[in-house]
Amino acid sequence: MGLALAREWLSRGWTAIATIRGTERTGLHESAEASNGRLLIEQLEMTNHEAVRALRDRLSAHQFDVLFVNAGVANGAED
């Protein structure tokens, strides 16, 4: 859902900041490369409070019109 929303918002001319959990390349990276700087990607593990605080600090200069949190759940390695 996150990738589809990011692409939709880009198609409307919006600027977006997306987060990814890991370090692997994703479809978001391809979209970011094609976005002329309108899609930024930040790495974030939502269950790590220090990581959330660090992201808050990195983004403190930005003003947001919409904040959409799309966090998934994994119950084990097979998820």
N, C-alpha and C. Protein backbone atom coordinates (compact mmCIF):
# COMPACT_ATOMS: atom_id res chain seq x y z
N MET A 1 0.82 -1.18 0.00
CA MET A 1 0.00 0.00 0.00
C MET A 1 0.87 1.25 0.00
N GLY A 2 1.98 1.27 0.69
CA GLY A 2 2.82 2.46 0.76
C GLY A 2 3.36 2.89 -0.59
N LEU A 3 3.83 1.93 -1.38
CA LEU A 3 4.36 2.26 -2.70
C LEU A 3 3.27 2.83 -3.59
N ALA A 4 2.11 2.22 -3.59
CA ALA A 4 1.00 2.70 -4.42
C ALA A 4 0.59 4.12 -4.02
N LEU A 5 0.53 4.38 -2.73
CA LEU A 5 0.18 5.73 -2.28
C LEU A 5 1.25 6.75 -2.67
N ALA A 6 2.50 6.40 -2.50
CA ALA A 6 3.58 7.31 -2.88
C ALA A 6 3.49 7.63 -4.37
N ARG A 7 3.25 6.64 -5.19
CA ARG A 7 3.15 6.88 -6.63
C ARG A 7 1.92 7.73 -6.97
N GLU A 8 0.82 7.50 -6.27
CA GLU A 8 -0.38 8.31 -6.49
C GLU A 8 -0.12 9.76 -6.13
N TRP A 9 0.49 9.99 -4.98
CA TRP A 9 0.76 11.36 -4.56
C TRP A 9 1.74 12.04 -5.51
N LEU A 10 2.73 11.32 -5.99
CA LEU A 10 3.65 11.90 -6.96
C LEU A 10 2.92 12.26 -8.25
N SER A 11 1.98 11.41 -8.67
CA SER A 11 1.24 11.69 -9.91
C SER A 11 0.39 12.94 -9.79
N ARG A 12 0.07 13.34 -8.55
CA ARG A 12 -0.71 14.55 -8.29
C ARG A 12 0.18 15.78 -8.11
N GLY A 13 1.51 15.57 -8.22
CA GLY A 13 2.44 16.68 -8.09
C GLY A 13 2.88 16.97 -6.67
N TRP A 14 2.54 16.10 -5.74
CA TRP A 14 2.92 16.30 -4.34
C TRP A 14 4.39 15.93 -4.13
N THR A 15 4.91 16.39 -3.02
CA THR A 15 6.21 15.97 -2.53
C THR A 15 5.95 15.04 -1.35
N ALA A 16 6.71 13.96 -1.25
CA ALA A 16 6.45 12.98 -0.19
C ALA A 16 7.77 12.50 0.42
N ILE A 17 7.67 12.09 1.66
CA ILE A 17 8.77 11.43 2.35
C ILE A 17 8.26 10.07 2.77
N ALA A 18 8.93 9.03 2.32
CA ALA A 18 8.53 7.66 2.63
C ALA A 18 9.59 7.01 3.51
N THR A 19 9.17 6.06 4.31
CA THR A 19 10.12 5.32 5.12
C THR A 19 10.14 3.86 4.70
N ILE A 20 11.30 3.26 4.85
CA ILE A 20 11.45 1.83 4.60
C ILE A 20 12.06 1.22 5.85
N ARG A 21 11.77 -0.04 6.06
CA ARG A 21 12.23 -0.72 7.27
C ARG A 21 13.68 -1.19 7.13
N GLY A 22 14.03 -1.76 6.03
CA GLY A 22 15.35 -2.36 5.86
C GLY A 22 16.27 -1.52 5.01
N THR A 23 17.31 -2.15 4.50
CA THR A 23 18.30 -1.45 3.69
C THR A 23 18.26 -1.88 2.23
N GLU A 24 17.39 -2.83 1.91
CA GLU A 24 17.32 -3.32 0.53
C GLU A 24 16.63 -2.31 -0.37
N ARG A 25 17.01 -2.34 -1.64
CA ARG A 25 16.39 -1.48 -2.64
C ARG A 25 14.94 -1.92 -2.86
N THR A 26 14.04 -0.94 -2.97
CA THR A 26 12.62 -1.23 -3.15
C THR A 26 12.08 -0.45 -4.34
N GLY A 27 10.81 -0.67 -4.64
CA GLY A 27 10.14 0.10 -5.68
C GLY A 27 10.11 1.58 -5.35
N LEU A 28 10.14 1.91 -4.06
CA LEU A 28 10.19 3.32 -3.68
C LEU A 28 11.45 3.99 -4.22
N HIS A 29 12.55 3.27 -4.22
CA HIS A 29 13.80 3.85 -4.74
C HIS A 29 13.67 4.20 -6.21
N GLU A 30 13.04 3.32 -6.99
CA GLU A 30 12.83 3.60 -8.41
C GLU A 30 11.95 4.83 -8.58
N SER A 31 10.90 4.92 -7.78
CA SER A 31 10.01 6.07 -7.85
C SER A 31 10.74 7.34 -7.44
N ALA A 32 11.58 7.26 -6.42
CA ALA A 32 12.34 8.42 -5.97
C ALA A 32 13.28 8.92 -7.07
N GLU A 33 13.93 8.00 -7.75
CA GLU A 33 14.86 8.37 -8.82
C GLU A 33 14.15 9.08 -9.96
N ALA A 34 12.89 8.73 -10.19
CA ALA A 34 12.12 9.33 -11.28
C ALA A 34 11.31 10.55 -10.84
N SER A 35 11.43 10.95 -9.57
CA SER A 35 10.54 11.99 -9.03
C SER A 35 11.10 13.41 -9.08
N ASN A 36 12.28 13.60 -9.62
CA ASN A 36 12.90 14.93 -9.64
C ASN A 36 13.00 15.53 -8.24
N GLY A 37 13.32 14.69 -7.26
CA GLY A 37 13.52 15.16 -5.90
C GLY A 37 12.26 15.32 -5.08
N ARG A 38 11.12 14.90 -5.61
CA ARG A 38 9.86 15.07 -4.87
C ARG A 38 9.56 13.90 -3.95
N LEU A 39 10.32 12.81 -4.03
CA LEU A 39 10.15 11.68 -3.11
C LEU A 39 11.48 11.42 -2.41
N LEU A 40 11.46 11.59 -1.10
CA LEU A 40 12.62 11.30 -0.28
C LEU A 40 12.37 10.01 0.48
N ILE A 41 13.41 9.23 0.70
CA ILE A 41 13.28 7.97 1.42
C ILE A 41 14.13 8.01 2.67
N GLU A 42 13.53 7.65 3.78
CA GLU A 42 14.21 7.56 5.06
C GLU A 42 14.09 6.13 5.57
N GLN A 43 15.12 5.63 6.21
CA GLN A 43 15.06 4.30 6.82
C GLN A 43 14.52 4.45 8.23
N LEU A 44 13.59 3.56 8.62
CA LEU A 44 12.99 3.65 9.94
C LEU A 44 12.47 2.29 10.40
N GLU A 45 12.80 1.93 11.61
CA GLU A 45 12.19 0.79 12.29
C GLU A 45 11.26 1.39 13.34
N MET A 46 9.94 1.29 13.09
CA MET A 46 8.95 1.95 13.95
C MET A 46 8.96 1.47 15.39
N THR A 47 9.47 0.28 15.64
CA THR A 47 9.48 -0.23 17.01
C THR A 47 10.70 0.25 17.80
N ASN A 48 11.59 0.99 17.15
CA ASN A 48 12.79 1.51 17.79
C ASN A 48 12.56 2.99 18.12
N HIS A 49 12.33 3.27 19.39
CA HIS A 49 11.99 4.63 19.81
C HIS A 49 13.10 5.63 19.48
N GLU A 50 14.34 5.22 19.60
CA GLU A 50 15.45 6.11 19.27
C GLU A 50 15.46 6.43 17.78
N ALA A 51 15.16 5.45 16.95
CA ALA A 51 15.11 5.67 15.50
C ALA A 51 13.99 6.64 15.14
N VAL A 52 12.85 6.52 15.81
CA VAL A 52 11.73 7.44 15.58
C VAL A 52 12.12 8.86 15.99
N ARG A 53 12.77 9.00 17.13
CA ARG A 53 13.23 10.32 17.58
C ARG A 53 14.24 10.91 16.60
N ALA A 54 15.15 10.09 16.11
CA ALA A 54 16.15 10.57 15.16
C ALA A 54 15.50 11.03 13.86
N LEU A 55 14.49 10.30 13.40
CA LEU A 55 13.76 10.70 12.19
C LEU A 55 13.05 12.03 12.44
N ARG A 56 12.41 12.16 13.59
CA ARG A 56 11.75 13.42 13.95
C ARG A 56 12.75 14.57 13.87
N ASP A 57 13.93 14.37 14.41
CA ASP A 57 14.94 15.42 14.39
C ASP A 57 15.38 15.75 12.96
N ARG A 58 15.58 14.72 12.14
CA ARG A 58 16.01 14.94 10.75
C ARG A 58 14.95 15.69 9.95
N LEU A 59 13.68 15.47 10.28
CA LEU A 59 12.59 16.08 9.50
C LEU A 59 12.01 17.33 10.15
N SER A 60 12.61 17.80 11.21
CA SER A 60 12.03 18.91 11.97
C SER A 60 11.90 20.20 11.17
N ALA A 61 12.70 20.38 10.14
CA ALA A 61 12.62 21.60 9.32
C ALA A 61 11.51 21.53 8.26
N HIS A 62 10.93 20.35 8.07
CA HIS A 62 9.88 20.19 7.06
C HIS A 62 8.52 20.56 7.64
N GLN A 63 7.68 21.09 6.76
CA GLN A 63 6.28 21.33 7.12
C GLN A 63 5.44 20.33 6.35
N PHE A 64 4.51 19.66 7.03
CA PHE A 64 3.71 18.62 6.41
C PHE A 64 2.24 19.03 6.36
N ASP A 65 1.61 18.73 5.24
CA ASP A 65 0.16 18.93 5.11
C ASP A 65 -0.58 17.67 5.53
N VAL A 66 0.04 16.51 5.29
CA VAL A 66 -0.57 15.22 5.61
C VAL A 66 0.51 14.32 6.20
N LEU A 67 0.14 13.59 7.24
CA LEU A 67 1.00 12.55 7.78
C LEU A 67 0.21 11.25 7.73
N PHE A 68 0.72 10.28 6.99
CA PHE A 68 0.05 8.99 6.84
C PHE A 68 1.00 7.92 7.32
N VAL A 69 0.62 7.19 8.34
CA VAL A 69 1.45 6.13 8.88
C VAL A 69 0.91 4.80 8.38
N ASN A 70 1.76 4.06 7.68
CA ASN A 70 1.38 2.77 7.12
C ASN A 70 2.41 1.76 7.61
N ALA A 71 2.17 1.20 8.77
CA ALA A 71 3.11 0.24 9.37
C ALA A 71 2.51 -1.16 9.34
N GLY A 72 3.30 -2.12 8.86
CA GLY A 72 2.85 -3.50 8.81
C GLY A 72 3.24 -4.26 10.06
N VAL A 73 2.78 -5.48 10.14
CA VAL A 73 3.06 -6.34 11.28
C VAL A 73 3.64 -7.65 10.78
N ALA A 74 4.68 -8.12 11.44
CA ALA A 74 5.25 -9.42 11.12
C ALA A 74 5.22 -10.27 12.40
N ASN A 75 4.77 -11.50 12.28
CA ASN A 75 4.68 -12.39 13.42
C ASN A 75 5.84 -13.37 13.49
N GLY A 76 6.63 -13.42 12.43
CA GLY A 76 7.75 -14.35 12.41
C GLY A 76 8.50 -14.24 11.09
N ALA A 77 9.53 -15.06 10.95
CA ALA A 77 10.39 -14.99 9.77
C ALA A 77 9.63 -15.31 8.48
N GLU A 78 8.56 -16.07 8.56
CA GLU A 78 7.82 -16.45 7.35
C GLU A 78 6.90 -15.35 6.84
N ASP A 79 6.71 -14.28 7.61
CA ASP A 79 5.81 -13.20 7.20
C ASP A 79 6.46 -12.26 6.24
